[in-house]
Amino acid sequence: MSTWLVTGASRGIGLELCRQLAARGDTVIAACRKATPALAATGCGIIEGVEVTDPGSLRRLDAALGDTRLDVLVNNAGILSVESLGRLDFEAMRRQFEVNALGPLRVTEALLPRLGAGSKIAIITSRMGSIADNGSGGYYGYRMSKAAVNAAGVSLARDLEGRGIAVLLLHPGMVATDMTGGTGIPPAESATMLIARIDRLGLADSGSFHHANGEVLPW
């Protein structure tokens, strides 16, 4: 049995990760801005009021964890807004950078003392952050923020290798959540695949970028 902490846990992929991990017997800490009845029903430990862009919020998260050690940290919290050329909303783009790119780095740094040799960090990113895979353009803030968190994930992998901590960048697939307007595969299907990838993660794969189905994705 392992101890997992999942951000963005109140709905969508985060909720399904918590549900499946708790069902198989892992200890799960669900970090979110506001809990939902569905999250409460999982039986996970819940820490509310977590805003990944706010250092003070993350200090409170760390304090709430007491002496808990983490085996797996899943940086799942994220947002998406749609920008196209000629209709660029730079404030929305900045917000996506704060949540999607800087958020995982803030959370990881805040909780790093709780991770040790054999621990794992998973960053739920997107293939839309792949420069090589961009065949359609648009989505400026989302694409750029996900490309940035991919770069951060690789740096974390290099910096933490000596501590025995592995880092994996994961595209969850096109998942039917509020973020995607309900289009895509069920969140439960994505969560099952994501857990399988994280379970198999070792230092040999640290710093790599994978689809939840196991496919290696281009940068």
N, C-alpha and C. Protein backbone atom coordinates (compact mmCIF):
# COMPACT_ATOMS: atom_id res chain seq x y z
N MET A 1 0.84 -1.19 0.00
CA MET A 1 0.00 0.00 0.00
C MET A 1 0.88 1.24 0.00
N SER A 2 0.54 2.18 -0.88
CA SER A 2 1.32 3.41 -1.02
C SER A 2 0.48 4.61 -0.63
N THR A 3 1.17 5.71 -0.36
CA THR A 3 0.49 6.96 -0.03
C THR A 3 0.62 7.91 -1.22
N TRP A 4 -0.53 8.31 -1.75
CA TRP A 4 -0.60 9.19 -2.91
C TRP A 4 -1.21 10.52 -2.51
N LEU A 5 -0.72 11.61 -3.11
CA LEU A 5 -1.39 12.90 -3.03
C LEU A 5 -1.73 13.35 -4.44
N VAL A 6 -3.00 13.70 -4.65
CA VAL A 6 -3.49 14.10 -5.97
C VAL A 6 -4.04 15.51 -5.88
N THR A 7 -3.54 16.43 -6.71
CA THR A 7 -4.11 17.77 -6.78
C THR A 7 -5.24 17.80 -7.81
N GLY A 8 -6.07 18.82 -7.71
CA GLY A 8 -7.20 18.92 -8.63
C GLY A 8 -8.12 17.71 -8.51
N ALA A 9 -8.38 17.31 -7.25
CA ALA A 9 -9.00 16.01 -6.99
C ALA A 9 -10.52 16.02 -6.94
N SER A 10 -11.15 17.16 -7.06
CA SER A 10 -12.58 17.24 -6.79
C SER A 10 -13.46 16.73 -7.93
N ARG A 11 -12.91 16.62 -9.13
CA ARG A 11 -13.74 16.20 -10.27
C ARG A 11 -12.85 15.65 -11.38
N GLY A 12 -13.50 15.15 -12.42
CA GLY A 12 -12.79 14.71 -13.61
C GLY A 12 -11.76 13.63 -13.35
N ILE A 13 -10.61 13.77 -13.97
CA ILE A 13 -9.55 12.76 -13.86
C ILE A 13 -9.06 12.64 -12.42
N GLY A 14 -8.90 13.76 -11.73
CA GLY A 14 -8.43 13.71 -10.35
C GLY A 14 -9.35 12.90 -9.46
N LEU A 15 -10.65 13.11 -9.61
CA LEU A 15 -11.63 12.36 -8.83
C LEU A 15 -11.54 10.87 -9.11
N GLU A 16 -11.41 10.52 -10.37
CA GLU A 16 -11.33 9.10 -10.74
C GLU A 16 -10.04 8.46 -10.25
N LEU A 17 -8.95 9.20 -10.28
CA LEU A 17 -7.71 8.68 -9.72
C LEU A 17 -7.90 8.36 -8.24
N CYS A 18 -8.48 9.31 -7.51
CA CYS A 18 -8.70 9.09 -6.08
C CYS A 18 -9.62 7.90 -5.84
N ARG A 19 -10.68 7.80 -6.61
CA ARG A 19 -11.64 6.72 -6.43
C ARG A 19 -10.98 5.36 -6.64
N GLN A 20 -10.23 5.22 -7.72
CA GLN A 20 -9.62 3.93 -8.05
C GLN A 20 -8.49 3.58 -7.09
N LEU A 21 -7.70 4.56 -6.71
CA LEU A 21 -6.60 4.29 -5.78
C LEU A 21 -7.12 3.88 -4.42
N ALA A 22 -8.15 4.57 -3.94
CA ALA A 22 -8.74 4.21 -2.64
C ALA A 22 -9.36 2.83 -2.70
N ALA A 23 -10.00 2.50 -3.82
CA ALA A 23 -10.67 1.20 -3.95
C ALA A 23 -9.68 0.05 -3.91
N ARG A 24 -8.46 0.28 -4.35
CA ARG A 24 -7.48 -0.81 -4.34
C ARG A 24 -6.67 -0.85 -3.04
N GLY A 25 -6.95 0.09 -2.13
CA GLY A 25 -6.34 0.02 -0.81
C GLY A 25 -5.22 0.99 -0.54
N ASP A 26 -4.90 1.87 -1.49
CA ASP A 26 -3.86 2.87 -1.23
C ASP A 26 -4.39 3.96 -0.30
N THR A 27 -3.48 4.61 0.39
CA THR A 27 -3.83 5.80 1.16
C THR A 27 -3.80 6.99 0.22
N VAL A 28 -4.91 7.71 0.13
CA VAL A 28 -5.02 8.79 -0.85
C VAL A 28 -5.36 10.10 -0.15
N ILE A 29 -4.58 11.13 -0.45
CA ILE A 29 -4.84 12.47 0.04
C ILE A 29 -5.29 13.30 -1.16
N ALA A 30 -6.53 13.76 -1.10
CA ALA A 30 -7.12 14.52 -2.20
C ALA A 30 -7.02 16.00 -1.89
N ALA A 31 -6.22 16.72 -2.68
CA ALA A 31 -6.04 18.16 -2.48
C ALA A 31 -6.88 18.90 -3.52
N CYS A 32 -7.68 19.84 -3.06
CA CYS A 32 -8.58 20.52 -3.98
C CYS A 32 -8.95 21.89 -3.42
N ARG A 33 -9.53 22.72 -4.27
CA ARG A 33 -10.03 24.01 -3.79
C ARG A 33 -11.28 23.82 -2.94
N LYS A 34 -12.21 23.00 -3.42
CA LYS A 34 -13.44 22.73 -2.68
C LYS A 34 -13.89 21.31 -2.96
N ALA A 35 -14.13 20.54 -1.92
CA ALA A 35 -14.53 19.15 -2.08
C ALA A 35 -15.94 19.05 -2.64
N THR A 36 -16.20 17.96 -3.33
CA THR A 36 -17.52 17.65 -3.85
C THR A 36 -18.06 16.43 -3.12
N PRO A 37 -19.39 16.23 -3.15
CA PRO A 37 -19.94 15.00 -2.55
C PRO A 37 -19.33 13.74 -3.16
N ALA A 38 -19.05 13.77 -4.45
CA ALA A 38 -18.46 12.59 -5.11
C ALA A 38 -17.08 12.30 -4.54
N LEU A 39 -16.30 13.34 -4.26
CA LEU A 39 -14.98 13.12 -3.68
C LEU A 39 -15.10 12.61 -2.26
N ALA A 40 -16.01 13.19 -1.48
CA ALA A 40 -16.20 12.73 -0.10
C ALA A 40 -16.58 11.25 -0.06
N ALA A 41 -17.33 10.80 -1.07
CA ALA A 41 -17.79 9.40 -1.11
C ALA A 41 -16.66 8.42 -1.35
N THR A 42 -15.50 8.88 -1.82
CA THR A 42 -14.37 7.98 -2.08
C THR A 42 -13.73 7.49 -0.79
N GLY A 43 -13.94 8.21 0.31
CA GLY A 43 -13.31 7.85 1.57
C GLY A 43 -11.87 8.33 1.69
N CYS A 44 -11.40 9.11 0.71
CA CYS A 44 -10.04 9.63 0.76
C CYS A 44 -9.91 10.71 1.84
N GLY A 45 -8.69 10.93 2.29
CA GLY A 45 -8.44 12.10 3.11
C GLY A 45 -8.49 13.33 2.22
N ILE A 46 -9.20 14.35 2.64
CA ILE A 46 -9.40 15.53 1.80
C ILE A 46 -8.81 16.76 2.47
N ILE A 47 -8.04 17.53 1.71
CA ILE A 47 -7.54 18.82 2.17
C ILE A 47 -8.08 19.87 1.20
N GLU A 48 -8.96 20.72 1.71
CA GLU A 48 -9.58 21.75 0.87
C GLU A 48 -8.78 23.05 0.94
N GLY A 49 -9.18 23.98 0.09
CA GLY A 49 -8.57 25.30 0.09
C GLY A 49 -7.20 25.33 -0.55
N VAL A 50 -6.91 24.32 -1.38
CA VAL A 50 -5.59 24.24 -2.01
C VAL A 50 -5.64 24.94 -3.36
N GLU A 51 -4.89 26.01 -3.48
CA GLU A 51 -4.77 26.76 -4.72
C GLU A 51 -3.31 26.68 -5.16
N VAL A 52 -3.06 26.01 -6.28
CA VAL A 52 -1.68 25.70 -6.67
C VAL A 52 -0.88 26.92 -7.09
N THR A 53 -1.56 28.06 -7.27
CA THR A 53 -0.84 29.28 -7.64
C THR A 53 -0.45 30.11 -6.42
N ASP A 54 -0.86 29.68 -5.23
CA ASP A 54 -0.69 30.50 -4.02
C ASP A 54 0.29 29.84 -3.05
N PRO A 55 1.48 30.41 -2.87
CA PRO A 55 2.46 29.82 -1.96
C PRO A 55 1.93 29.65 -0.54
N GLY A 56 1.12 30.60 -0.06
CA GLY A 56 0.56 30.48 1.27
C GLY A 56 -0.36 29.28 1.39
N SER A 57 -1.14 29.04 0.37
CA SER A 57 -2.03 27.87 0.34
C SER A 57 -1.22 26.58 0.40
N LEU A 58 -0.10 26.56 -0.29
CA LEU A 58 0.72 25.35 -0.31
C LEU A 58 1.45 25.15 1.02
N ARG A 59 1.78 26.22 1.70
CA ARG A 59 2.34 26.07 3.04
C ARG A 59 1.30 25.47 3.99
N ARG A 60 0.05 25.89 3.83
CA ARG A 60 -1.02 25.33 4.66
C ARG A 60 -1.25 23.86 4.32
N LEU A 61 -1.15 23.51 3.04
CA LEU A 61 -1.26 22.10 2.64
C LEU A 61 -0.17 21.29 3.30
N ASP A 62 1.05 21.78 3.26
CA ASP A 62 2.17 21.07 3.86
C ASP A 62 1.95 20.89 5.36
N ALA A 63 1.48 21.94 6.03
CA ALA A 63 1.24 21.85 7.46
C ALA A 63 0.15 20.84 7.78
N ALA A 64 -0.89 20.79 6.94
CA ALA A 64 -2.01 19.86 7.17
C ALA A 64 -1.59 18.41 7.03
N LEU A 65 -0.49 18.16 6.33
CA LEU A 65 -0.03 16.78 6.12
C LEU A 65 0.69 16.21 7.34
N GLY A 66 1.02 17.06 8.30
CA GLY A 66 1.69 16.56 9.50
C GLY A 66 3.00 15.88 9.15
N ASP A 67 3.17 14.63 9.60
CA ASP A 67 4.41 13.90 9.33
C ASP A 67 4.26 12.90 8.19
N THR A 68 3.25 13.08 7.35
CA THR A 68 2.99 12.15 6.25
C THR A 68 4.12 12.15 5.23
N ARG A 69 4.57 10.98 4.86
CA ARG A 69 5.52 10.81 3.76
C ARG A 69 4.75 10.38 2.51
N LEU A 70 5.18 10.84 1.36
CA LEU A 70 4.47 10.55 0.12
C LEU A 70 5.27 9.60 -0.77
N ASP A 71 4.58 8.59 -1.26
CA ASP A 71 5.18 7.70 -2.25
C ASP A 71 4.97 8.23 -3.66
N VAL A 72 3.80 8.83 -3.90
CA VAL A 72 3.48 9.35 -5.23
C VAL A 72 2.79 10.71 -5.10
N LEU A 73 3.29 11.68 -5.85
CA LEU A 73 2.66 12.99 -5.96
C LEU A 73 2.14 13.14 -7.39
N VAL A 74 0.85 13.35 -7.53
CA VAL A 74 0.25 13.52 -8.85
C VAL A 74 -0.18 14.98 -9.01
N ASN A 75 0.52 15.70 -9.85
CA ASN A 75 0.18 17.09 -10.16
C ASN A 75 -0.84 17.09 -11.29
N ASN A 76 -2.11 17.12 -10.91
CA ASN A 76 -3.20 16.98 -11.87
C ASN A 76 -3.97 18.28 -12.12
N ALA A 77 -3.94 19.21 -11.19
CA ALA A 77 -4.73 20.44 -11.34
C ALA A 77 -4.35 21.18 -12.62
N GLY A 78 -5.36 21.62 -13.37
CA GLY A 78 -5.09 22.33 -14.61
C GLY A 78 -6.34 23.05 -15.10
N ILE A 79 -6.13 24.03 -15.97
CA ILE A 79 -7.24 24.76 -16.58
C ILE A 79 -6.98 24.92 -18.07
N LEU A 80 -8.05 25.21 -18.80
CA LEU A 80 -7.95 25.41 -20.25
C LEU A 80 -8.86 26.55 -20.65
N SER A 81 -8.34 27.45 -21.45
CA SER A 81 -9.18 28.42 -22.14
C SER A 81 -8.75 28.45 -23.59
N VAL A 82 -9.63 28.92 -24.44
CA VAL A 82 -9.40 28.84 -25.89
C VAL A 82 -9.05 30.21 -26.43
N GLU A 83 -7.85 30.32 -27.00
CA GLU A 83 -7.42 31.55 -27.66
C GLU A 83 -7.04 31.24 -29.11
N SER A 84 -7.42 32.12 -29.99
CA SER A 84 -7.02 31.98 -31.39
C SER A 84 -6.41 33.30 -31.84
N LEU A 85 -5.64 33.25 -32.90
CA LEU A 85 -4.97 34.44 -33.41
C LEU A 85 -6.03 35.48 -33.79
N GLY A 86 -5.85 36.68 -33.28
CA GLY A 86 -6.84 37.72 -33.48
C GLY A 86 -7.81 37.83 -32.32
N ARG A 87 -7.83 36.80 -31.48
CA ARG A 87 -8.70 36.80 -30.29
C ARG A 87 -7.89 36.31 -29.07
N LEU A 88 -6.74 36.88 -28.90
CA LEU A 88 -5.86 36.46 -27.82
C LEU A 88 -6.23 37.18 -26.53
N ASP A 89 -6.42 36.40 -25.48
CA ASP A 89 -6.71 36.94 -24.15
C ASP A 89 -5.47 36.68 -23.30
N PHE A 90 -4.63 37.70 -23.19
CA PHE A 90 -3.34 37.50 -22.54
C PHE A 90 -3.48 37.25 -21.04
N GLU A 91 -4.51 37.79 -20.41
CA GLU A 91 -4.71 37.50 -19.00
C GLU A 91 -5.09 36.03 -18.79
N ALA A 92 -5.92 35.51 -19.67
CA ALA A 92 -6.27 34.09 -19.60
C ALA A 92 -5.06 33.22 -19.85
N MET A 93 -4.20 33.65 -20.76
CA MET A 93 -2.98 32.90 -21.05
C MET A 93 -2.05 32.90 -19.83
N ARG A 94 -1.92 34.05 -19.18
CA ARG A 94 -1.08 34.13 -17.97
C ARG A 94 -1.63 33.21 -16.88
N ARG A 95 -2.95 33.17 -16.75
CA ARG A 95 -3.56 32.32 -15.74
C ARG A 95 -3.25 30.85 -16.00
N GLN A 96 -3.27 30.45 -17.27
CA GLN A 96 -2.94 29.07 -17.61
C GLN A 96 -1.48 28.76 -17.28
N PHE A 97 -0.59 29.71 -17.51
CA PHE A 97 0.80 29.50 -17.13
C PHE A 97 0.92 29.32 -15.62
N GLU A 98 0.22 30.15 -14.86
CA GLU A 98 0.30 30.05 -13.41
C GLU A 98 -0.18 28.69 -12.91
N VAL A 99 -1.30 28.22 -13.44
CA VAL A 99 -1.87 26.96 -12.98
C VAL A 99 -1.17 25.75 -13.59
N ASN A 100 -1.04 25.75 -14.91
CA ASN A 100 -0.58 24.55 -15.62
C ASN A 100 0.92 24.35 -15.60
N ALA A 101 1.68 25.43 -15.60
CA ALA A 101 3.14 25.32 -15.68
C ALA A 101 3.81 25.56 -14.33
N LEU A 102 3.49 26.70 -13.70
CA LEU A 102 4.12 27.00 -12.42
C LEU A 102 3.49 26.23 -11.27
N GLY A 103 2.20 25.92 -11.39
CA GLY A 103 1.51 25.20 -10.32
C GLY A 103 2.19 23.89 -9.94
N PRO A 104 2.43 22.98 -10.89
CA PRO A 104 3.10 21.72 -10.54
C PRO A 104 4.48 21.93 -9.93
N LEU A 105 5.18 22.95 -10.39
CA LEU A 105 6.51 23.21 -9.85
C LEU A 105 6.41 23.73 -8.42
N ARG A 106 5.45 24.60 -8.16
CA ARG A 106 5.24 25.11 -6.80
C ARG A 106 4.87 23.97 -5.84
N VAL A 107 3.93 23.12 -6.28
CA VAL A 107 3.49 22.01 -5.42
C VAL A 107 4.65 21.07 -5.14
N THR A 108 5.39 20.74 -6.17
CA THR A 108 6.51 19.80 -6.01
C THR A 108 7.55 20.35 -5.05
N GLU A 109 7.90 21.62 -5.21
CA GLU A 109 8.91 22.20 -4.32
C GLU A 109 8.40 22.24 -2.88
N ALA A 110 7.11 22.57 -2.71
CA ALA A 110 6.55 22.68 -1.36
C ALA A 110 6.53 21.33 -0.64
N LEU A 111 6.32 20.25 -1.40
CA LEU A 111 6.16 18.93 -0.79
C LEU A 111 7.40 18.04 -0.95
N LEU A 112 8.44 18.55 -1.56
CA LEU A 112 9.62 17.74 -1.85
C LEU A 112 10.23 17.08 -0.62
N PRO A 113 10.27 17.74 0.55
CA PRO A 113 10.84 17.06 1.72
C PRO A 113 10.08 15.80 2.13
N ARG A 114 8.87 15.64 1.63
CA ARG A 114 8.07 14.45 1.96
C ARG A 114 8.33 13.28 1.01
N LEU A 115 9.13 13.52 -0.01
CA LEU A 115 9.46 12.49 -1.00
C LEU A 115 10.87 11.97 -0.74
N GLY A 116 11.08 10.71 -1.00
CA GLY A 116 12.40 10.13 -0.81
C GLY A 116 12.72 9.12 -1.88
N ALA A 117 13.79 8.39 -1.70
CA ALA A 117 14.19 7.39 -2.68
C ALA A 117 13.05 6.41 -2.93
N GLY A 118 12.72 6.24 -4.22
CA GLY A 118 11.62 5.37 -4.59
C GLY A 118 10.31 6.10 -4.79
N SER A 119 10.24 7.36 -4.38
CA SER A 119 9.03 8.15 -4.61
C SER A 119 8.90 8.51 -6.08
N LYS A 120 7.67 8.89 -6.47
CA LYS A 120 7.40 9.22 -7.87
C LYS A 120 6.60 10.51 -7.94
N ILE A 121 6.86 11.27 -9.00
CA ILE A 121 6.10 12.48 -9.30
C ILE A 121 5.51 12.32 -10.69
N ALA A 122 4.19 12.43 -10.80
CA ALA A 122 3.53 12.39 -12.10
C ALA A 122 2.94 13.77 -12.38
N ILE A 123 3.17 14.27 -13.57
CA ILE A 123 2.60 15.54 -14.00
C ILE A 123 1.63 15.24 -15.13
N ILE A 124 0.35 15.55 -14.90
CA ILE A 124 -0.65 15.35 -15.94
C ILE A 124 -0.58 16.55 -16.87
N THR A 125 0.00 16.32 -18.03
CA THR A 125 0.23 17.37 -19.01
C THR A 125 -0.70 17.11 -20.20
N SER A 126 -0.27 17.38 -21.40
CA SER A 126 -1.10 17.15 -22.59
C SER A 126 -0.21 17.05 -23.81
N ARG A 127 -0.65 16.23 -24.77
CA ARG A 127 0.09 16.18 -26.03
C ARG A 127 -0.05 17.50 -26.78
N MET A 128 -0.99 18.37 -26.36
CA MET A 128 -1.08 19.70 -26.94
C MET A 128 0.13 20.55 -26.57
N GLY A 129 0.93 20.09 -25.61
CA GLY A 129 2.18 20.75 -25.30
C GLY A 129 3.33 20.28 -26.16
N SER A 130 3.06 19.32 -27.04
CA SER A 130 4.10 18.83 -27.95
C SER A 130 4.24 19.78 -29.13
N ILE A 131 5.44 20.26 -29.37
CA ILE A 131 5.70 21.13 -30.52
C ILE A 131 5.67 20.32 -31.81
N ALA A 132 6.25 19.13 -31.78
CA ALA A 132 6.30 18.29 -32.98
C ALA A 132 4.92 17.81 -33.40
N ASP A 133 4.00 17.67 -32.43
CA ASP A 133 2.68 17.11 -32.70
C ASP A 133 1.63 18.17 -33.04
N ASN A 134 2.02 19.43 -33.03
CA ASN A 134 1.07 20.52 -33.27
C ASN A 134 0.78 20.67 -34.76
N GLY A 135 -0.34 20.09 -35.18
CA GLY A 135 -0.70 20.18 -36.59
C GLY A 135 -1.89 21.07 -36.86
N SER A 136 -2.42 21.71 -35.79
CA SER A 136 -3.65 22.48 -35.99
C SER A 136 -3.60 23.91 -35.45
N GLY A 137 -2.55 24.27 -34.70
CA GLY A 137 -2.42 25.63 -34.19
C GLY A 137 -3.42 25.96 -33.11
N GLY A 138 -3.58 27.26 -32.84
CA GLY A 138 -4.54 27.72 -31.85
C GLY A 138 -4.20 27.32 -30.42
N TYR A 139 -5.14 27.53 -29.52
CA TYR A 139 -5.00 27.17 -28.10
C TYR A 139 -3.67 27.66 -27.54
N TYR A 140 -3.38 28.93 -27.77
CA TYR A 140 -2.04 29.44 -27.47
C TYR A 140 -1.66 29.28 -26.00
N GLY A 141 -2.50 29.73 -25.12
CA GLY A 141 -2.16 29.65 -23.70
C GLY A 141 -2.01 28.23 -23.20
N TYR A 142 -2.92 27.36 -23.62
CA TYR A 142 -2.87 25.98 -23.15
C TYR A 142 -1.66 25.26 -23.70
N ARG A 143 -1.44 25.38 -25.02
CA ARG A 143 -0.27 24.72 -25.62
C ARG A 143 1.04 25.21 -25.00
N MET A 144 1.17 26.51 -24.86
CA MET A 144 2.41 27.07 -24.33
C MET A 144 2.62 26.67 -22.87
N SER A 145 1.55 26.67 -22.07
CA SER A 145 1.70 26.30 -20.66
C SER A 145 2.05 24.83 -20.51
N LYS A 146 1.51 23.98 -21.36
CA LYS A 146 1.83 22.56 -21.27
C LYS A 146 3.23 22.27 -21.79
N ALA A 147 3.68 22.99 -22.82
CA ALA A 147 5.07 22.85 -23.26
C ALA A 147 6.02 23.27 -22.15
N ALA A 148 5.64 24.32 -21.42
CA ALA A 148 6.48 24.80 -20.32
C ALA A 148 6.54 23.79 -19.19
N VAL A 149 5.43 23.17 -18.83
CA VAL A 149 5.47 22.20 -17.74
C VAL A 149 6.22 20.94 -18.17
N ASN A 150 6.19 20.62 -19.46
CA ASN A 150 7.01 19.51 -19.94
C ASN A 150 8.49 19.79 -19.70
N ALA A 151 8.90 21.01 -20.00
CA ALA A 151 10.30 21.40 -19.77
C ALA A 151 10.63 21.32 -18.28
N ALA A 152 9.70 21.79 -17.44
CA ALA A 152 9.93 21.73 -16.00
C ALA A 152 10.05 20.29 -15.52
N GLY A 153 9.21 19.41 -16.07
CA GLY A 153 9.25 18.00 -15.66
C GLY A 153 10.57 17.34 -15.98
N VAL A 154 11.13 17.65 -17.14
CA VAL A 154 12.43 17.08 -17.50
C VAL A 154 13.52 17.60 -16.56
N SER A 155 13.48 18.88 -16.25
CA SER A 155 14.46 19.43 -15.30
C SER A 155 14.32 18.78 -13.93
N LEU A 156 13.08 18.57 -13.47
CA LEU A 156 12.88 17.90 -12.19
C LEU A 156 13.47 16.49 -12.22
N ALA A 157 13.25 15.80 -13.33
CA ALA A 157 13.79 14.44 -13.44
C ALA A 157 15.30 14.43 -13.31
N ARG A 158 15.95 15.38 -13.96
CA ARG A 158 17.41 15.45 -13.89
C ARG A 158 17.87 15.81 -12.47
N ASP A 159 17.20 16.79 -11.86
CA ASP A 159 17.61 17.27 -10.54
C ASP A 159 17.35 16.25 -9.44
N LEU A 160 16.33 15.41 -9.62
CA LEU A 160 15.94 14.48 -8.56
C LEU A 160 16.45 13.06 -8.76
N GLU A 161 17.11 12.82 -9.85
CA GLU A 161 17.63 11.47 -10.11
C GLU A 161 18.53 11.00 -8.99
N GLY A 162 19.41 11.89 -8.51
CA GLY A 162 20.33 11.52 -7.46
C GLY A 162 19.66 11.19 -6.14
N ARG A 163 18.43 11.64 -5.96
CA ARG A 163 17.67 11.34 -4.75
C ARG A 163 16.82 10.08 -4.91
N GLY A 164 16.85 9.50 -6.12
CA GLY A 164 16.07 8.30 -6.37
C GLY A 164 14.60 8.56 -6.61
N ILE A 165 14.25 9.79 -7.01
CA ILE A 165 12.86 10.16 -7.27
C ILE A 165 12.65 10.24 -8.77
N ALA A 166 11.65 9.53 -9.27
CA ALA A 166 11.36 9.48 -10.71
C ALA A 166 10.21 10.42 -11.06
N VAL A 167 10.27 10.98 -12.25
CA VAL A 167 9.27 11.95 -12.72
C VAL A 167 8.73 11.50 -14.08
N LEU A 168 7.42 11.56 -14.25
CA LEU A 168 6.81 11.15 -15.50
C LEU A 168 5.81 12.20 -15.96
N LEU A 169 5.87 12.54 -17.25
CA LEU A 169 4.93 13.46 -17.86
C LEU A 169 3.90 12.64 -18.63
N LEU A 170 2.63 12.84 -18.31
CA LEU A 170 1.58 11.97 -18.83
C LEU A 170 0.46 12.74 -19.52
N HIS A 171 0.15 12.35 -20.75
CA HIS A 171 -1.03 12.83 -21.45
C HIS A 171 -2.17 11.88 -21.15
N PRO A 172 -3.28 12.36 -20.60
CA PRO A 172 -4.34 11.46 -20.17
C PRO A 172 -5.24 10.97 -21.28
N GLY A 173 -5.02 11.46 -22.51
CA GLY A 173 -5.96 11.19 -23.59
C GLY A 173 -6.99 12.30 -23.66
N MET A 174 -7.85 12.23 -24.65
CA MET A 174 -8.97 13.16 -24.74
C MET A 174 -10.07 12.62 -23.83
N VAL A 175 -10.28 13.29 -22.71
CA VAL A 175 -11.14 12.75 -21.66
C VAL A 175 -12.40 13.60 -21.52
N ALA A 176 -13.52 12.95 -21.36
CA ALA A 176 -14.81 13.63 -21.25
C ALA A 176 -14.96 14.25 -19.86
N THR A 177 -14.51 15.48 -19.73
CA THR A 177 -14.62 16.23 -18.47
C THR A 177 -15.25 17.59 -18.76
N ASP A 178 -15.45 18.38 -17.72
CA ASP A 178 -15.95 19.74 -17.92
C ASP A 178 -14.99 20.54 -18.80
N MET A 179 -13.70 20.27 -18.66
CA MET A 179 -12.69 21.00 -19.42
C MET A 179 -12.85 20.80 -20.93
N THR A 180 -13.24 19.60 -21.32
CA THR A 180 -13.36 19.28 -22.75
C THR A 180 -14.80 19.35 -23.25
N GLY A 181 -15.70 19.83 -22.40
CA GLY A 181 -17.10 19.89 -22.80
C GLY A 181 -17.75 18.52 -22.90
N GLY A 182 -17.20 17.55 -22.18
CA GLY A 182 -17.79 16.21 -22.18
C GLY A 182 -17.41 15.35 -23.35
N THR A 183 -16.39 15.77 -24.13
CA THR A 183 -15.96 15.02 -25.30
C THR A 183 -14.77 14.14 -24.96
N GLY A 184 -14.83 12.86 -25.31
CA GLY A 184 -13.69 11.99 -25.12
C GLY A 184 -14.03 10.71 -24.38
N ILE A 185 -12.99 10.02 -23.92
CA ILE A 185 -13.18 8.76 -23.22
C ILE A 185 -13.62 9.03 -21.78
N PRO A 186 -14.24 8.08 -21.11
CA PRO A 186 -14.65 8.29 -19.72
C PRO A 186 -13.44 8.55 -18.82
N PRO A 187 -13.57 9.44 -17.85
CA PRO A 187 -12.47 9.68 -16.92
C PRO A 187 -11.96 8.41 -16.24
N ALA A 188 -12.85 7.47 -15.96
CA ALA A 188 -12.43 6.23 -15.30
C ALA A 188 -11.46 5.44 -16.17
N GLU A 189 -11.69 5.45 -17.48
CA GLU A 189 -10.79 4.73 -18.40
C GLU A 189 -9.41 5.37 -18.42
N SER A 190 -9.39 6.69 -18.48
CA SER A 190 -8.11 7.40 -18.46
C SER A 190 -7.38 7.16 -17.15
N ALA A 191 -8.10 7.24 -16.03
CA ALA A 191 -7.46 7.07 -14.72
C ALA A 191 -6.84 5.69 -14.58
N THR A 192 -7.52 4.67 -15.09
CA THR A 192 -6.97 3.30 -15.02
C THR A 192 -5.64 3.22 -15.74
N MET A 193 -5.58 3.82 -16.93
CA MET A 193 -4.33 3.79 -17.71
C MET A 193 -3.24 4.62 -17.04
N LEU A 194 -3.60 5.78 -16.51
CA LEU A 194 -2.61 6.63 -15.84
C LEU A 194 -1.99 5.92 -14.64
N ILE A 195 -2.83 5.28 -13.85
CA ILE A 195 -2.32 4.55 -12.68
C ILE A 195 -1.35 3.45 -13.11
N ALA A 196 -1.70 2.76 -14.19
CA ALA A 196 -0.82 1.70 -14.69
C ALA A 196 0.54 2.25 -15.10
N ARG A 197 0.55 3.42 -15.74
CA ARG A 197 1.82 4.03 -16.15
C ARG A 197 2.64 4.44 -14.93
N ILE A 198 1.98 5.03 -13.95
CA ILE A 198 2.69 5.48 -12.75
C ILE A 198 3.22 4.29 -11.96
N ASP A 199 2.43 3.24 -11.86
CA ASP A 199 2.88 2.04 -11.14
C ASP A 199 4.17 1.49 -11.75
N ARG A 200 4.29 1.57 -13.07
CA ARG A 200 5.46 1.00 -13.76
C ARG A 200 6.65 1.94 -13.81
N LEU A 201 6.47 3.18 -13.39
CA LEU A 201 7.53 4.18 -13.49
C LEU A 201 8.72 3.82 -12.62
N GLY A 202 9.89 3.89 -13.22
CA GLY A 202 11.15 3.75 -12.50
C GLY A 202 12.13 4.80 -12.98
N LEU A 203 13.30 4.83 -12.39
CA LEU A 203 14.28 5.86 -12.76
C LEU A 203 14.71 5.76 -14.22
N ALA A 204 14.64 4.57 -14.79
CA ALA A 204 15.04 4.42 -16.20
C ALA A 204 14.13 5.20 -17.14
N ASP A 205 12.88 5.43 -16.73
CA ASP A 205 11.91 6.16 -17.56
C ASP A 205 11.72 7.60 -17.11
N SER A 206 12.44 8.01 -16.09
CA SER A 206 12.23 9.34 -15.54
C SER A 206 12.53 10.43 -16.57
N GLY A 207 11.64 11.41 -16.63
CA GLY A 207 11.81 12.51 -17.59
C GLY A 207 11.21 12.24 -18.94
N SER A 208 10.46 11.16 -19.09
CA SER A 208 9.86 10.83 -20.38
C SER A 208 8.41 11.31 -20.45
N PHE A 209 7.90 11.36 -21.67
CA PHE A 209 6.58 11.93 -21.99
C PHE A 209 5.75 10.84 -22.65
N HIS A 210 4.70 10.39 -21.97
CA HIS A 210 3.92 9.26 -22.44
C HIS A 210 2.44 9.59 -22.53
N HIS A 211 1.79 8.97 -23.50
CA HIS A 211 0.33 8.89 -23.51
C HIS A 211 -0.07 7.92 -22.41
N ALA A 212 -1.26 8.09 -21.87
CA ALA A 212 -1.73 7.16 -20.84
C ALA A 212 -1.74 5.72 -21.33
N ASN A 213 -1.88 5.52 -22.64
CA ASN A 213 -1.90 4.16 -23.18
C ASN A 213 -0.51 3.55 -23.33
N GLY A 214 0.51 4.29 -22.95
CA GLY A 214 1.88 3.78 -22.99
C GLY A 214 2.70 4.30 -24.14
N GLU A 215 2.07 4.91 -25.13
CA GLU A 215 2.80 5.45 -26.30
C GLU A 215 3.74 6.56 -25.87
N VAL A 216 4.99 6.51 -26.36
CA VAL A 216 5.93 7.60 -26.11
C VAL A 216 5.59 8.75 -27.05
N LEU A 217 5.46 9.95 -26.50
CA LEU A 217 5.06 11.10 -27.29
C LEU A 217 6.26 11.98 -27.63
N PRO A 218 6.21 12.65 -28.78
CA PRO A 218 7.30 13.54 -29.16
C PRO A 218 7.23 14.87 -28.42
N TRP A 219 8.37 15.49 -28.22
CA TRP A 219 8.39 16.80 -27.58
C TRP A 219 7.98 17.87 -28.58
